[in-house]
Amino acid sequence: MGIRVSNVTFDCDNPGLVAEFWAAVLDGTVETRVPNAFLGMKTAASGDFFFIRVPEQKGAKNRLHLDLDTGGAREAEVARLLELGATVVTEKDEWGHRWTVLQDPEGNEFCVA
């Protein structure tokens, strides 16, 4: 018996907003489990994601985040993500790699390379 990641879970103020954002980013399908409280999202390539309403607000930088690979189309994908509601935090060029740090509509950071 081994261990595996079952899903990625986002704590949210508005799970519907965050689930729809990530469904658009990763070409996923949102499934309502408990309206306005708990939603799931299935993707073919990225696995399952859960979005759960919590009472507290995000307070600091994520200690864990998603790194998304665009296959060399970083600038075009960043532009698409901005149209979906992401915001740019910073551009990075370190260790021989370039990437953009963004936030989803509730401030969860993720990287696009």
C-alpha atoms as a PDB file:
ATOM      1  CA  MET A   1       0.000   0.000   0.000  1.00  0.00           C
ATOM      2  CA  GLY A   2       1.325   3.425  -0.937  1.00  0.00           C
ATOM      3  CA  ILE A   3       0.300   6.971  -0.324  1.00  0.00           C
ATOM      4  CA  ARG A   4      -0.818   9.451  -2.976  1.00  0.00           C
ATOM      5  CA  VAL A   5      -2.262  12.925  -3.176  1.00  0.00           C
ATOM      6  CA  SER A   6      -6.030  12.545  -3.401  1.00  0.00           C
ATOM      7  CA  ASN A   7      -6.877  16.155  -4.226  1.00  0.00           C
ATOM      8  CA  VAL A   8      -5.784  19.758  -3.679  1.00  0.00           C
ATOM      9  CA  THR A   9      -8.027  21.786  -1.363  1.00  0.00           C
ATOM     10  CA  PHE A  10      -8.480  25.570  -1.323  1.00  0.00           C
ATOM     11  CA  ASP A  11      -9.959  27.282   1.744  1.00  0.00           C
ATOM     12  CA  CYS A  12     -12.206  30.058   0.397  1.00  0.00           C
ATOM     13  CA  ASP A  13     -14.525  32.881   1.257  1.00  0.00           C
ATOM     14  CA  ASN A  14     -16.405  32.316  -2.020  1.00  0.00           C
ATOM     15  CA  PRO A  15     -15.840  28.719  -3.153  1.00  0.00           C
ATOM     16  CA  GLY A  16     -17.942  29.174  -6.300  1.00  0.00           C
ATOM     17  CA  LEU A  17     -15.818  32.079  -7.530  1.00  0.00           C
ATOM     18  CA  VAL A  18     -12.536  30.287  -6.858  1.00  0.00           C
ATOM     19  CA  ALA A  19     -13.765  26.956  -8.284  1.00  0.00           C
ATOM     20  CA  GLU A  20     -14.957  28.617 -11.506  1.00  0.00           C
ATOM     21  CA  PHE A  21     -11.635  30.470 -11.843  1.00  0.00           C
ATOM     22  CA  TRP A  22      -9.577  27.273 -11.503  1.00  0.00           C
ATOM     23  CA  ALA A  23     -11.965  25.336 -13.768  1.00  0.00           C
ATOM     24  CA  ALA A  24     -11.324  27.937 -16.477  1.00  0.00           C
ATOM     25  CA  VAL A  25      -7.556  27.846 -15.840  1.00  0.00           C
ATOM     26  CA  LEU A  26      -7.249  24.054 -15.952  1.00  0.00           C
ATOM     27  CA  ASP A  27     -10.179  23.158 -18.243  1.00  0.00           C
ATOM     28  CA  GLY A  28     -12.022  21.506 -15.372  1.00  0.00           C
ATOM     29  CA  THR A  29     -15.615  20.761 -14.490  1.00  0.00           C
ATOM     30  CA  VAL A  30     -17.109  22.122 -11.270  1.00  0.00           C
ATOM     31  CA  GLU A  31     -19.338  19.802  -9.251  1.00  0.00           C
ATOM     32  CA  THR A  32     -21.449  21.179  -6.398  1.00  0.00           C
ATOM     33  CA  ARG A  33     -21.325  18.984  -3.324  1.00  0.00           C
ATOM     34  CA  VAL A  34     -22.847  21.391  -0.764  1.00  0.00           C
ATOM     35  CA  PRO A  35     -24.109  24.658  -2.324  1.00  0.00           C
ATOM     36  CA  ASN A  36     -22.145  27.759  -1.266  1.00  0.00           C
ATOM     37  CA  ALA A  37     -19.938  25.668   1.020  1.00  0.00           C
ATOM     38  CA  PHE A  38     -18.122  22.832  -0.752  1.00  0.00           C
ATOM     39  CA  LEU A  39     -17.431  22.376  -4.435  1.00  0.00           C
ATOM     40  CA  GLY A  40     -15.288  19.899  -6.300  1.00  0.00           C
ATOM     41  CA  MET A  41     -13.538  20.283  -9.626  1.00  0.00           C
ATOM     42  CA  LYS A  42     -12.351  17.470 -11.834  1.00  0.00           C
ATOM     43  CA  THR A  43      -9.703  17.862 -14.516  1.00  0.00           C
ATOM     44  CA  ALA A  44      -8.386  15.304 -16.958  1.00  0.00           C
ATOM     45  CA  ALA A  45      -4.728  16.223 -16.545  1.00  0.00           C
ATOM     46  CA  SER A  46      -4.413  17.827 -13.096  1.00  0.00           C
ATOM     47  CA  GLY A  47      -6.508  15.684 -10.759  1.00  0.00           C
ATOM     48  CA  ASP A  48      -9.220  16.760  -8.353  1.00  0.00           C
ATOM     49  CA  PHE A  49      -9.538  20.046  -6.507  1.00  0.00           C
ATOM     50  CA  PHE A  50     -11.857  20.959  -3.624  1.00  0.00           C
ATOM     51  CA  PHE A  51     -13.037  24.447  -2.659  1.00  0.00           C
ATOM     52  CA  ILE A  52     -14.359  24.805   0.891  1.00  0.00           C
ATOM     53  CA  ARG A  53     -15.879  27.854   2.572  1.00  0.00           C
ATOM     54  CA  VAL A  54     -14.024  28.830   5.748  1.00  0.00           C
ATOM     55  CA  PRO A  55     -14.743  31.746   8.112  1.00  0.00           C
ATOM     56  CA  GLU A  56     -11.224  33.187   8.305  1.00  0.00           C
ATOM     57  CA  GLN A  57      -9.574  35.311   5.611  1.00  0.00           C
ATOM     58  CA  LYS A  58      -6.225  34.502   4.008  1.00  0.00           C
ATOM     59  CA  GLY A  59      -3.582  36.273   6.067  1.00  0.00           C
ATOM     60  CA  ALA A  60      -0.147  35.697   4.492  1.00  0.00           C
ATOM     61  CA  LYS A  61       1.745  34.240   1.557  1.00  0.00           C
ATOM     62  CA  ASN A  62       0.925  30.604   0.754  1.00  0.00           C
ATOM     63  CA  ARG A  63       3.472  28.104   2.057  1.00  0.00           C
ATOM     64  CA  LEU A  64       2.359  25.659  -0.660  1.00  0.00           C
ATOM     65  CA  HIS A  65       1.382  26.691  -4.174  1.00  0.00           C
ATOM     66  CA  LEU A  66       0.808  25.360  -7.681  1.00  0.00           C
ATOM     67  CA  ASP A  67       3.484  25.685 -10.378  1.00  0.00           C
ATOM     68  CA  LEU A  68       1.890  25.653 -13.830  1.00  0.00           C
ATOM     69  CA  ASP A  69       3.876  24.763 -16.957  1.00  0.00           C
ATOM     70  CA  THR A  70       2.750  26.460 -20.176  1.00  0.00           C
ATOM     71  CA  GLY A  71       5.053  24.608 -22.551  1.00  0.00           C
ATOM     72  CA  GLY A  72       6.749  27.855 -23.564  1.00  0.00           C
ATOM     73  CA  ALA A  73       3.648  30.053 -23.912  1.00  0.00           C
ATOM     74  CA  ARG A  74       4.018  31.843 -20.571  1.00  0.00           C
ATOM     75  CA  GLU A  75       3.188  35.372 -21.745  1.00  0.00           C
ATOM     76  CA  ALA A  76       0.049  34.279 -23.627  1.00  0.00           C
ATOM     77  CA  GLU A  77      -1.142  32.179 -20.686  1.00  0.00           C
ATOM     78  CA  VAL A  78      -0.495  34.980 -18.197  1.00  0.00           C
ATOM     79  CA  ALA A  79      -2.594  37.296 -20.384  1.00  0.00           C
ATOM     80  CA  ARG A  80      -5.404  34.691 -20.441  1.00  0.00           C
ATOM     81  CA  LEU A  81      -5.234  34.248 -16.665  1.00  0.00           C
ATOM     82  CA  LEU A  82      -5.423  38.011 -16.132  1.00  0.00           C
ATOM     83  CA  GLU A  83      -8.608  38.071 -18.226  1.00  0.00           C
ATOM     84  CA  LEU A  84     -10.015  35.314 -15.975  1.00  0.00           C
ATOM     85  CA  GLY A  85      -9.407  37.428 -12.856  1.00  0.00           C
ATOM     86  CA  ALA A  86      -5.844  36.654 -11.763  1.00  0.00           C
ATOM     87  CA  THR A  87      -3.484  39.429 -10.691  1.00  0.00           C
ATOM     88  CA  VAL A  88       0.280  39.614 -11.136  1.00  0.00           C
ATOM     89  CA  VAL A  89       2.365  39.627  -7.959  1.00  0.00           C
ATOM     90  CA  THR A  90       5.835  39.673  -9.541  1.00  0.00           C
ATOM     91  CA  GLU A  91       7.999  38.475 -12.406  1.00  0.00           C
ATOM     92  CA  LYS A  92      10.954  36.252 -11.561  1.00  0.00           C
ATOM     93  CA  ASP A  93      14.149  35.422 -13.459  1.00  0.00           C
ATOM     94  CA  GLU A  94      16.310  33.197 -11.276  1.00  0.00           C
ATOM     95  CA  TRP A  95      18.342  29.999 -11.552  1.00  0.00           C
ATOM     96  CA  GLY A  96      18.092  30.105 -15.350  1.00  0.00           C
ATOM     97  CA  HIS A  97      14.264  30.158 -15.330  1.00  0.00           C
ATOM     98  CA  ARG A  98      11.611  32.829 -15.836  1.00  0.00           C
ATOM     99  CA  TRP A  99       8.183  32.681 -14.248  1.00  0.00           C
ATOM    100  CA  THR A 100       5.308  34.910 -13.204  1.00  0.00           C
ATOM    101  CA  VAL A 101       3.818  34.808  -9.712  1.00  0.00           C
ATOM    102  CA  LEU A 102       0.070  35.447  -9.790  1.00  0.00           C
ATOM    103  CA  GLN A 103      -2.875  35.351  -7.384  1.00  0.00           C
ATOM    104  CA  ASP A 104      -6.319  33.876  -7.990  1.00  0.00           C
ATOM    105  CA  PRO A 105      -9.417  36.014  -7.197  1.00  0.00           C
ATOM    106  CA  GLU A 106      -9.025  35.315  -3.437  1.00  0.00           C
ATOM    107  CA  GLY A 107      -5.276  35.929  -3.270  1.00  0.00           C
ATOM    108  CA  ASN A 108      -3.926  32.370  -3.473  1.00  0.00           C
ATOM    109  CA  GLU A 109      -0.492  32.561  -5.107  1.00  0.00           C
ATOM    110  CA  PHE A 110       0.565  30.343  -8.003  1.00  0.00           C
ATOM    111  CA  CYS A 111       3.404  30.390 -10.522  1.00  0.00           C
ATOM    112  CA  VAL A 112       3.304  30.200 -14.314  1.00  0.00           C
ATOM    113  CA  ALA A 113       6.475  29.167 -16.159  1.00  0.00           C
END
